[in-house]
Amino acid sequence: MCPVPRTTNGDLVEDPQKAKDICSSDQNSDSNKLAVSDNNEGATTTNSADNSGAAAKNKVIIVKIREIPQYILDQYDFNKETEAYILSQVDCAYSEKMNRHLASNCRNISDEVFPGVHLGDRGAAKNTFYLKKAGVTHVLNTAEGTRQGLVDTNQNFYRPFGIKYKGLKLLDVAQTNIAMYFSEVADFIEEGLQSGGKVLVNCLMGMSRSSTCVLAYLMLRQNMTAVEALTAVRRYREVRPNDGFLRQLADLDNKLRRERGQLSKSAA
């Protein structure tokens, strides 16, 4: 149910009391909040033995809470798997939304939600003058097609402007298997950034299909948890992946957290 934020340095802390002391010393810092798993309540532990086969010692994982709203943290159990419902509740602070300087019923055609990564709608994708002015070198259209609800662009559309293109024919319905493209969209976005360019990821409204792909990139290539990625993106743009996409992001989050040792063995 809870995506565990990454550990402070990737290591386990040997002494539980030391872990608590560290936590206490930093608890007043908003940018460096720490949470410590309780040994008596299903904390993640590992066993180690010396050469003589001495008894194993418990190790406590310290996790660093980075830029995640407290009301979201209050709902978390750090030892359980991510669920789509929890992801649907993640949001940035209201004060940060005010910093967008937009009326609540207004939206930019695109917003830079991560350095070099722009999340936008059909208007951004079709406006090549805007893209060139913004320095966009790569476009990932997650809603390619000519039917209603899709965005009719292709490589020929962008070729005169020197923009590299990738299109996915995805429908914004819960049944769409968007997860099968997570790796390749992460590769495409990374390619654009590594070349020194900027990437526009678009769908029809810039809210569901495109945001899901950006979130997957942040999780796969920037080592973010699903909660961290959603919090970061929603700081700059309102996004609403549909329920099916949230389930697939939750599955990806659980898989990555298992691989990174951020999920307790009991939950895994």
C-alpha atoms as a PDB file:
ATOM      1  CA  MET A   1       0.000   0.000   0.000  1.00  0.00           C
ATOM      2  CA  CYS A   2       2.876   2.373   0.599  1.00  0.00           C
ATOM      3  CA  PRO A   3       5.692   3.101  -1.827  1.00  0.00           C
ATOM      4  CA  VAL A   4       8.748   3.297   0.428  1.00  0.00           C
ATOM      5  CA  PRO A   5      10.928   6.331  -0.338  1.00  0.00           C
ATOM      6  CA  ARG A   6      14.579   5.542  -0.955  1.00  0.00           C
ATOM      7  CA  THR A   7      17.024   5.072   1.917  1.00  0.00           C
ATOM      8  CA  THR A   8      19.307   7.921   2.914  1.00  0.00           C
ATOM      9  CA  ASN A   9      22.410   6.374   1.383  1.00  0.00           C
ATOM     10  CA  GLY A  10      21.275   2.950   0.232  1.00  0.00           C
ATOM     11  CA  ASP A  11      22.801   1.212   3.263  1.00  0.00           C
ATOM     12  CA  LEU A  12      21.283  -0.460   6.288  1.00  0.00           C
ATOM     13  CA  VAL A  13      21.871   1.056   9.726  1.00  0.00           C
ATOM     14  CA  GLU A  14      23.354  -1.440  12.146  1.00  0.00           C
ATOM     15  CA  ASP A  15      22.210   0.080  15.449  1.00  0.00           C
ATOM     16  CA  PRO A  16      18.459   0.614  15.933  1.00  0.00           C
ATOM     17  CA  GLN A  17      19.084   3.187  18.695  1.00  0.00           C
ATOM     18  CA  LYS A  18      21.458   5.095  16.445  1.00  0.00           C
ATOM     19  CA  ALA A  19      18.794   5.067  13.773  1.00  0.00           C
ATOM     20  CA  LYS A  20      16.296   6.613  16.163  1.00  0.00           C
ATOM     21  CA  ASP A  21      18.836   9.240  17.241  1.00  0.00           C
ATOM     22  CA  ILE A  22      19.448  10.226  13.643  1.00  0.00           C
ATOM     23  CA  CYS A  23      15.744  10.441  13.043  1.00  0.00           C
ATOM     24  CA  SER A  24      15.223  12.632  16.113  1.00  0.00           C
ATOM     25  CA  SER A  25      17.988  15.032  15.146  1.00  0.00           C
ATOM     26  CA  ASP A  26      16.462  15.652  11.724  1.00  0.00           C
ATOM     27  CA  GLN A  27      12.768  15.605  12.474  1.00  0.00           C
ATOM     28  CA  ASN A  28      12.529  19.423  12.493  1.00  0.00           C
ATOM     29  CA  SER A  29      13.867  19.751   8.955  1.00  0.00           C
ATOM     30  CA  ASP A  30      11.146  19.776   6.291  1.00  0.00           C
ATOM     31  CA  SER A  31      13.592  18.850   3.555  1.00  0.00           C
ATOM     32  CA  ASN A  32      15.222  15.995   5.443  1.00  0.00           C
ATOM     33  CA  LYS A  33      12.471  14.128   7.293  1.00  0.00           C
ATOM     34  CA  LEU A  34      13.284  10.593   8.314  1.00  0.00           C
ATOM     35  CA  ALA A  35      11.118   7.632   9.159  1.00  0.00           C
ATOM     36  CA  VAL A  36      12.401   4.585  10.996  1.00  0.00           C
ATOM     37  CA  SER A  37      10.809   1.162  10.769  1.00  0.00           C
ATOM     38  CA  ASP A  38       9.815  -0.291  14.147  1.00  0.00           C
ATOM     39  CA  ASN A  39      11.383  -3.691  14.897  1.00  0.00           C
ATOM     40  CA  ASN A  40       8.204  -4.740  16.666  1.00  0.00           C
ATOM     41  CA  GLU A  41       5.870  -3.850  13.826  1.00  0.00           C
ATOM     42  CA  GLY A  42       7.072  -5.671  10.765  1.00  0.00           C
ATOM     43  CA  ALA A  43      10.229  -3.679  10.087  1.00  0.00           C
ATOM     44  CA  THR A  44      12.464  -4.767   7.259  1.00  0.00           C
ATOM     45  CA  THR A  45      15.334  -6.774   8.722  1.00  0.00           C
ATOM     46  CA  THR A  46      18.275  -8.761   7.416  1.00  0.00           C
ATOM     47  CA  ASN A  47      20.355 -11.433   9.081  1.00  0.00           C
ATOM     48  CA  SER A  48      24.159 -11.394   9.274  1.00  0.00           C
ATOM     49  CA  ALA A  49      26.517 -13.814  10.988  1.00  0.00           C
ATOM     50  CA  ASP A  50      30.247 -13.622  11.764  1.00  0.00           C
ATOM     51  CA  ASN A  51      32.759 -16.332  10.859  1.00  0.00           C
ATOM     52  CA  SER A  52      32.070 -18.253  14.055  1.00  0.00           C
ATOM     53  CA  GLY A  53      28.345 -18.477  13.236  1.00  0.00           C
ATOM     54  CA  ALA A  54      27.232 -16.037  15.928  1.00  0.00           C
ATOM     55  CA  ALA A  55      23.572 -15.136  16.259  1.00  0.00           C
ATOM     56  CA  ALA A  56      22.171 -12.816  13.608  1.00  0.00           C
ATOM     57  CA  LYS A  57      21.602  -9.143  14.348  1.00  0.00           C
ATOM     58  CA  ASN A  58      18.644  -7.053  13.307  1.00  0.00           C
ATOM     59  CA  LYS A  59      19.288  -4.076  11.073  1.00  0.00           C
ATOM     60  CA  VAL A  60      16.868  -1.181  10.735  1.00  0.00           C
ATOM     61  CA  ILE A  61      16.324   0.609   7.448  1.00  0.00           C
ATOM     62  CA  ILE A  62      16.118   4.383   7.651  1.00  0.00           C
ATOM     63  CA  VAL A  63      14.113   5.945   4.858  1.00  0.00           C
ATOM     64  CA  LYS A  64      14.302   9.571   3.851  1.00  0.00           C
ATOM     65  CA  ILE A  65      10.992  11.289   3.149  1.00  0.00           C
ATOM     66  CA  ARG A  66      11.576  13.714   0.307  1.00  0.00           C
ATOM     67  CA  GLU A  67       8.952  16.285  -0.578  1.00  0.00           C
ATOM     68  CA  ILE A  68       5.963  14.068   0.199  1.00  0.00           C
ATOM     69  CA  PRO A  69       2.946  15.687   1.893  1.00  0.00           C
ATOM     70  CA  GLN A  70       2.410  14.700   5.524  1.00  0.00           C
ATOM     71  CA  TYR A  71      -1.248  13.815   5.002  1.00  0.00           C
ATOM     72  CA  ILE A  72      -0.133  11.228   2.439  1.00  0.00           C
ATOM     73  CA  LEU A  73       2.558   9.855   4.762  1.00  0.00           C
ATOM     74  CA  ASP A  74      -0.030   9.445   7.503  1.00  0.00           C
ATOM     75  CA  GLN A  75      -1.835   6.883   5.328  1.00  0.00           C
ATOM     76  CA  TYR A  76       1.250   4.788   4.594  1.00  0.00           C
ATOM     77  CA  ASP A  77       2.433   1.491   5.876  1.00  0.00           C
ATOM     78  CA  PHE A  78       6.031   1.367   4.729  1.00  0.00           C
ATOM     79  CA  ASN A  79       6.095  -2.415   4.643  1.00  0.00           C
ATOM     80  CA  LYS A  80       3.183  -2.974   2.291  1.00  0.00           C
ATOM     81  CA  GLU A  81       2.889  -2.930  -1.468  1.00  0.00           C
ATOM     82  CA  THR A  82       1.732   0.086  -3.442  1.00  0.00           C
ATOM     83  CA  GLU A  83      -1.946   0.238  -4.367  1.00  0.00           C
ATOM     84  CA  ALA A  84      -3.553   2.330  -7.105  1.00  0.00           C
ATOM     85  CA  TYR A  85      -5.908   4.009  -4.635  1.00  0.00           C
ATOM     86  CA  ILE A  86      -3.022   5.463  -2.635  1.00  0.00           C
ATOM     87  CA  LEU A  87      -1.412   6.802  -5.803  1.00  0.00           C
ATOM     88  CA  SER A  88      -4.679   8.495  -6.727  1.00  0.00           C
ATOM     89  CA  GLN A  89      -4.469  10.521  -3.500  1.00  0.00           C
ATOM     90  CA  VAL A  90      -0.929  11.803  -3.999  1.00  0.00           C
ATOM     91  CA  ASP A  91      -0.658  15.535  -4.623  1.00  0.00           C
ATOM     92  CA  CYS A  92       1.716  18.419  -4.019  1.00  0.00           C
ATOM     93  CA  ALA A  93       1.103  21.151  -1.457  1.00  0.00           C
ATOM     94  CA  TYR A  94      -1.628  23.663  -2.263  1.00  0.00           C
ATOM     95  CA  SER A  95       0.863  26.518  -1.901  1.00  0.00           C
ATOM     96  CA  GLU A  96       2.941  24.999  -4.691  1.00  0.00           C
ATOM     97  CA  LYS A  97      -0.101  24.885  -6.955  1.00  0.00           C
ATOM     98  CA  MET A  98      -0.559  28.590  -6.345  1.00  0.00           C
ATOM     99  CA  ASN A  99       2.951  29.152  -7.637  1.00  0.00           C
ATOM    100  CA  ARG A 100       1.763  28.119 -11.103  1.00  0.00           C
ATOM    101  CA  HIS A 101       0.096  31.541 -11.400  1.00  0.00           C
ATOM    102  CA  LEU A 102      -2.849  30.034 -13.249  1.00  0.00           C
ATOM    103  CA  ALA A 103      -6.560  30.038 -12.533  1.00  0.00           C
ATOM    104  CA  SER A 104      -7.831  26.665 -11.364  1.00  0.00           C
ATOM    105  CA  ASN A 105      -9.670  26.126 -14.659  1.00  0.00           C
ATOM    106  CA  CYS A 106      -6.639  27.024 -16.825  1.00  0.00           C
ATOM    107  CA  ARG A 107      -3.787  24.857 -18.072  1.00  0.00           C
ATOM    108  CA  ASN A 108      -0.658  25.503 -20.123  1.00  0.00           C
ATOM    109  CA  ILE A 109      -0.336  23.576 -23.361  1.00  0.00           C
ATOM    110  CA  SER A 110       2.801  22.103 -21.809  1.00  0.00           C
ATOM    111  CA  ASP A 111       4.764  22.310 -18.560  1.00  0.00           C
ATOM    112  CA  GLU A 112       8.330  21.349 -17.765  1.00  0.00           C
ATOM    113  CA  VAL A 113       7.748  18.784 -15.009  1.00  0.00           C
ATOM    114  CA  PHE A 114      11.349  17.595 -14.804  1.00  0.00           C
ATOM    115  CA  PRO A 115      14.476  19.291 -16.203  1.00  0.00           C
ATOM    116  CA  GLY A 116      14.234  18.851 -19.969  1.00  0.00           C
ATOM    117  CA  VAL A 117      10.948  16.927 -19.875  1.00  0.00           C
ATOM    118  CA  HIS A 118       7.807  18.760 -20.992  1.00  0.00           C
ATOM    119  CA  LEU A 119       4.360  17.281 -20.461  1.00  0.00           C
ATOM    120  CA  GLY A 120       1.732  18.634 -22.824  1.00  0.00           C
ATOM    121  CA  ASP A 121      -1.421  18.311 -24.882  1.00  0.00           C
ATOM    122  CA  ARG A 122      -2.343  18.250 -28.572  1.00  0.00           C
ATOM    123  CA  GLY A 123      -1.894  22.017 -28.823  1.00  0.00           C
ATOM    124  CA  ALA A 124       1.760  21.733 -27.860  1.00  0.00           C
ATOM    125  CA  ALA A 125       2.397  18.763 -30.125  1.00  0.00           C
ATOM    126  CA  LYS A 126       0.899  20.489 -33.186  1.00  0.00           C
ATOM    127  CA  ASN A 127       2.589  23.869 -32.629  1.00  0.00           C
ATOM    128  CA  THR A 128       6.050  23.437 -34.145  1.00  0.00           C
ATOM    129  CA  PHE A 129       6.906  27.127 -33.660  1.00  0.00           C
ATOM    130  CA  TYR A 130       6.239  26.717 -29.945  1.00  0.00           C
ATOM    131  CA  LEU A 131       8.320  23.542 -29.799  1.00  0.00           C
ATOM    132  CA  LYS A 132      11.320  25.119 -31.510  1.00  0.00           C
ATOM    133  CA  LYS A 133      11.104  28.169 -29.261  1.00  0.00           C
ATOM    134  CA  ALA A 134      11.018  25.894 -26.198  1.00  0.00           C
ATOM    135  CA  GLY A 135      14.052  23.991 -27.475  1.00  0.00           C
ATOM    136  CA  VAL A 136      12.226  20.671 -27.885  1.00  0.00           C
ATOM    137  CA  THR A 137      14.275  18.153 -29.873  1.00  0.00           C
ATOM    138  CA  HIS A 138      12.227  14.989 -29.257  1.00  0.00           C
ATOM    139  CA  VAL A 139       8.469  14.372 -29.247  1.00  0.00           C
ATOM    140  CA  LEU A 140       6.810  11.312 -27.745  1.00  0.00           C
ATOM    141  CA  ASN A 141       3.165  11.203 -28.837  1.00  0.00           C
ATOM    142  CA  THR A 142       1.375   8.666 -26.650  1.00  0.00           C
ATOM    143  CA  ALA A 143      -1.932   9.120 -28.509  1.00  0.00           C
ATOM    144  CA  GLU A 144      -0.957   8.748 -32.157  1.00  0.00           C
ATOM    145  CA  GLY A 145      -3.813   8.384 -34.626  1.00  0.00           C
ATOM    146  CA  THR A 146      -6.423  10.158 -36.692  1.00  0.00           C
ATOM    147  CA  ARG A 147      -9.551   9.231 -34.748  1.00  0.00           C
ATOM    148  CA  GLN A 148     -11.263  11.341 -32.125  1.00  0.00           C
ATOM    149  CA  GLY A 149      -9.282  11.427 -28.894  1.00  0.00           C
ATOM    150  CA  LEU A 150      -5.973  10.914 -30.705  1.00  0.00           C
ATOM    151  CA  VAL A 151      -3.283  13.292 -31.952  1.00  0.00           C
ATOM    152  CA  ASP A 152      -2.475  13.166 -35.671  1.00  0.00           C
ATOM    153  CA  THR A 153       1.295  13.701 -35.852  1.00  0.00           C
ATOM    154  CA  ASN A 154       4.137  11.581 -37.200  1.00  0.00           C
ATOM    155  CA  GLN A 155       7.813  11.779 -38.108  1.00  0.00           C
ATOM    156  CA  ASN A 156       7.052  13.501 -41.435  1.00  0.00           C
ATOM    157  CA  PHE A 157       5.258  16.265 -39.545  1.00  0.00           C
ATOM    158  CA  TYR A 158       8.383  17.064 -37.497  1.00  0.00           C
ATOM    159  CA  ARG A 159      11.148  16.249 -39.990  1.00  0.00           C
ATOM    160  CA  PRO A 160      11.418  19.781 -41.467  1.00  0.00           C
ATOM    161  CA  PHE A 161      12.099  21.088 -37.962  1.00  0.00           C
ATOM    162  CA  GLY A 162      14.754  18.549 -37.014  1.00  0.00           C
ATOM    163  CA  ILE A 163      12.641  17.019 -34.241  1.00  0.00           C
ATOM    164  CA  LYS A 164      12.906  13.297 -33.556  1.00  0.00           C
ATOM    165  CA  TYR A 165       9.557  11.562 -33.123  1.00  0.00           C
ATOM    166  CA  LYS A 166       8.149   8.452 -31.505  1.00  0.00           C
ATOM    167  CA  GLY A 167       4.447   7.572 -31.552  1.00  0.00           C
ATOM    168  CA  LEU A 168       2.351   5.139 -29.517  1.00  0.00           C
ATOM    169  CA  LYS A 169      -1.200   4.255 -30.477  1.00  0.00           C
ATOM    170  CA  LEU A 170      -2.721   4.184 -26.998  1.00  0.00           C
ATOM    171  CA  LEU A 171      -6.308   4.702 -25.916  1.00  0.00           C
ATOM    172  CA  ASP A 172      -7.059   6.395 -22.612  1.00  0.00           C
ATOM    173  CA  VAL A 173      -8.999   3.482 -21.149  1.00  0.00           C
ATOM    174  CA  ALA A 174      -8.231   1.375 -18.095  1.00  0.00           C
ATOM    175  CA  GLN A 175      -7.855  -1.776 -20.208  1.00  0.00           C
ATOM    176  CA  THR A 176      -4.932  -0.379 -22.253  1.00  0.00           C
ATOM    177  CA  ASN A 177      -1.662  -2.164 -21.547  1.00  0.00           C
ATOM    178  CA  ILE A 178       0.585   0.876 -21.310  1.00  0.00           C
ATOM    179  CA  ALA A 179       3.126  -0.949 -19.144  1.00  0.00           C
ATOM    180  CA  MET A 180       4.437  -2.868 -22.143  1.00  0.00           C
ATOM    181  CA  TYR A 181       5.920   0.413 -23.412  1.00  0.00           C
ATOM    182  CA  PHE A 182       7.476   1.648 -20.174  1.00  0.00           C
ATOM    183  CA  SER A 183      11.021   0.533 -21.027  1.00  0.00           C
ATOM    184  CA  GLU A 184      11.065   1.925 -24.550  1.00  0.00           C
ATOM    185  CA  VAL A 185       9.556   5.285 -23.594  1.00  0.00           C
ATOM    186  CA  ALA A 186      12.120   5.584 -20.794  1.00  0.00           C
ATOM    187  CA  ASP A 187      14.853   4.871 -23.357  1.00  0.00           C
ATOM    188  CA  PHE A 188      13.466   7.496 -25.748  1.00  0.00           C
ATOM    189  CA  ILE A 189      13.220  10.192 -23.078  1.00  0.00           C
ATOM    190  CA  GLU A 190      16.678   9.372 -21.771  1.00  0.00           C
ATOM    191  CA  GLU A 191      18.096   9.527 -25.290  1.00  0.00           C
ATOM    192  CA  GLY A 192      16.694  13.026 -25.760  1.00  0.00           C
ATOM    193  CA  LEU A 193      18.068  14.289 -22.461  1.00  0.00           C
ATOM    194  CA  GLN A 194      21.480  12.654 -22.887  1.00  0.00           C
ATOM    195  CA  SER A 195      21.849  14.348 -26.280  1.00  0.00           C
ATOM    196  CA  GLY A 196      21.394  17.709 -24.583  1.00  0.00           C
ATOM    197  CA  GLY A 197      17.881  18.196 -25.910  1.00  0.00           C
ATOM    198  CA  LYS A 198      14.406  18.517 -24.479  1.00  0.00           C
ATOM    199  CA  VAL A 199      11.526  16.091 -24.771  1.00  0.00           C
ATOM    200  CA  LEU A 200       7.820  16.785 -25.145  1.00  0.00           C
ATOM    201  CA  VAL A 201       5.606  13.905 -24.034  1.00  0.00           C
ATOM    202  CA  ASN A 202       2.047  14.508 -25.160  1.00  0.00           C
ATOM    203  CA  CYS A 203      -1.379  12.961 -25.428  1.00  0.00           C
ATOM    204  CA  LEU A 204      -4.711  14.652 -26.114  1.00  0.00           C
ATOM    205  CA  MET A 205      -4.935  16.618 -22.842  1.00  0.00           C
ATOM    206  CA  GLY A 206      -1.526  16.012 -21.304  1.00  0.00           C
ATOM    207  CA  MET A 207      -3.064  14.374 -18.270  1.00  0.00           C
ATOM    208  CA  SER A 208      -3.298  10.574 -18.472  1.00  0.00           C
ATOM    209  CA  ARG A 209      -1.379   8.674 -21.159  1.00  0.00           C
ATOM    210  CA  SER A 210       1.512  11.115 -21.397  1.00  0.00           C
ATOM    211  CA  SER A 211       1.816  11.597 -17.642  1.00  0.00           C
ATOM    212  CA  THR A 212       1.901   7.830 -17.088  1.00  0.00           C
ATOM    213  CA  CYS A 213       4.870   7.537 -19.440  1.00  0.00           C
ATOM    214  CA  VAL A 214       6.699  10.411 -17.741  1.00  0.00           C
ATOM    215  CA  LEU A 215       6.058   8.866 -14.324  1.00  0.00           C
ATOM    216  CA  ALA A 216       7.404   5.521 -15.547  1.00  0.00           C
ATOM    217  CA  TYR A 217      10.543   7.281 -16.820  1.00  0.00           C
ATOM    218  CA  LEU A 218      11.126   8.972 -13.461  1.00  0.00           C
ATOM    219  CA  MET A 219      10.711   5.663 -11.666  1.00  0.00           C
ATOM    220  CA  LEU A 220      12.910   3.664 -14.042  1.00  0.00           C
ATOM    221  CA  ARG A 221      15.680   6.146 -14.799  1.00  0.00           C
ATOM    222  CA  GLN A 222      15.620   8.640 -11.919  1.00  0.00           C
ATOM    223  CA  ASN A 223      15.150   6.009  -9.198  1.00  0.00           C
ATOM    224  CA  MET A 224      12.007   7.637  -7.854  1.00  0.00           C
ATOM    225  CA  THR A 225       9.203   5.784  -6.153  1.00  0.00           C
ATOM    226  CA  ALA A 226       5.720   6.240  -7.595  1.00  0.00           C
ATOM    227  CA  VAL A 227       4.838   8.666  -4.804  1.00  0.00           C
ATOM    228  CA  GLU A 228       7.954  10.737  -5.358  1.00  0.00           C
ATOM    229  CA  ALA A 229       7.319  10.867  -9.101  1.00  0.00           C
ATOM    230  CA  LEU A 230       3.659  11.873  -8.729  1.00  0.00           C
ATOM    231  CA  THR A 231       4.485  14.519  -6.154  1.00  0.00           C
ATOM    232  CA  ALA A 232       7.200  15.973  -8.386  1.00  0.00           C
ATOM    233  CA  VAL A 233       5.050  16.070 -11.524  1.00  0.00           C
ATOM    234  CA  ARG A 234       1.940  17.462  -9.817  1.00  0.00           C
ATOM    235  CA  ARG A 235       4.014  20.331  -8.516  1.00  0.00           C
ATOM    236  CA  TYR A 236       4.035  21.694 -12.068  1.00  0.00           C
ATOM    237  CA  ARG A 237       0.992  20.202 -13.803  1.00  0.00           C
ATOM    238  CA  GLU A 238      -2.327  18.603 -12.919  1.00  0.00           C
ATOM    239  CA  VAL A 239      -2.155  14.989 -14.092  1.00  0.00           C
ATOM    240  CA  ARG A 240      -4.707  12.230 -13.703  1.00  0.00           C
ATOM    241  CA  PRO A 241      -3.677   8.801 -14.974  1.00  0.00           C
ATOM    242  CA  ASN A 242      -6.751   6.617 -15.305  1.00  0.00           C
ATOM    243  CA  ASP A 243      -7.365   3.818 -12.802  1.00  0.00           C
ATOM    244  CA  GLY A 244      -5.866   1.143 -15.041  1.00  0.00           C
ATOM    245  CA  PHE A 245      -2.697   3.167 -15.575  1.00  0.00           C
ATOM    246  CA  LEU A 246      -2.398   3.771 -11.829  1.00  0.00           C
ATOM    247  CA  ARG A 247      -2.596   0.008 -11.235  1.00  0.00           C
ATOM    248  CA  GLN A 248       0.179  -0.551 -13.761  1.00  0.00           C
ATOM    249  CA  LEU A 249       2.317   2.153 -12.154  1.00  0.00           C
ATOM    250  CA  ALA A 250       1.702   0.530  -8.763  1.00  0.00           C
ATOM    251  CA  ASP A 251       2.851  -2.816 -10.171  1.00  0.00           C
ATOM    252  CA  LEU A 252       5.981  -1.196 -11.570  1.00  0.00           C
ATOM    253  CA  ASP A 253       6.635   0.506  -8.237  1.00  0.00           C
ATOM    254  CA  ASN A 254       6.354  -2.764  -6.331  1.00  0.00           C
ATOM    255  CA  LYS A 255       8.674  -4.510  -8.797  1.00  0.00           C
ATOM    256  CA  LEU A 256      11.305  -1.780  -8.585  1.00  0.00           C
ATOM    257  CA  ARG A 257      11.107  -1.539  -4.796  1.00  0.00           C
ATOM    258  CA  ARG A 258      11.648  -5.286  -4.489  1.00  0.00           C
ATOM    259  CA  GLU A 259      14.688  -5.069  -6.742  1.00  0.00           C
ATOM    260  CA  ARG A 260      16.047  -2.073  -4.831  1.00  0.00           C
ATOM    261  CA  GLY A 261      15.468  -3.604  -1.409  1.00  0.00           C
ATOM    262  CA  GLN A 262      12.848  -1.005  -0.447  1.00  0.00           C
ATOM    263  CA  LEU A 263      10.033  -3.479   0.183  1.00  0.00           C
ATOM    264  CA  SER A 264       9.915  -5.816   3.156  1.00  0.00           C
ATOM    265  CA  LYS A 265      10.329  -9.504   2.405  1.00  0.00           C
ATOM    266  CA  SER A 266       6.979 -10.270   3.983  1.00  0.00           C
ATOM    267  CA  ALA A 267       5.250  -7.947   1.522  1.00  0.00           C
ATOM    268  CA  ALA A 268       7.316  -9.188  -1.399  1.00  0.00           C
END
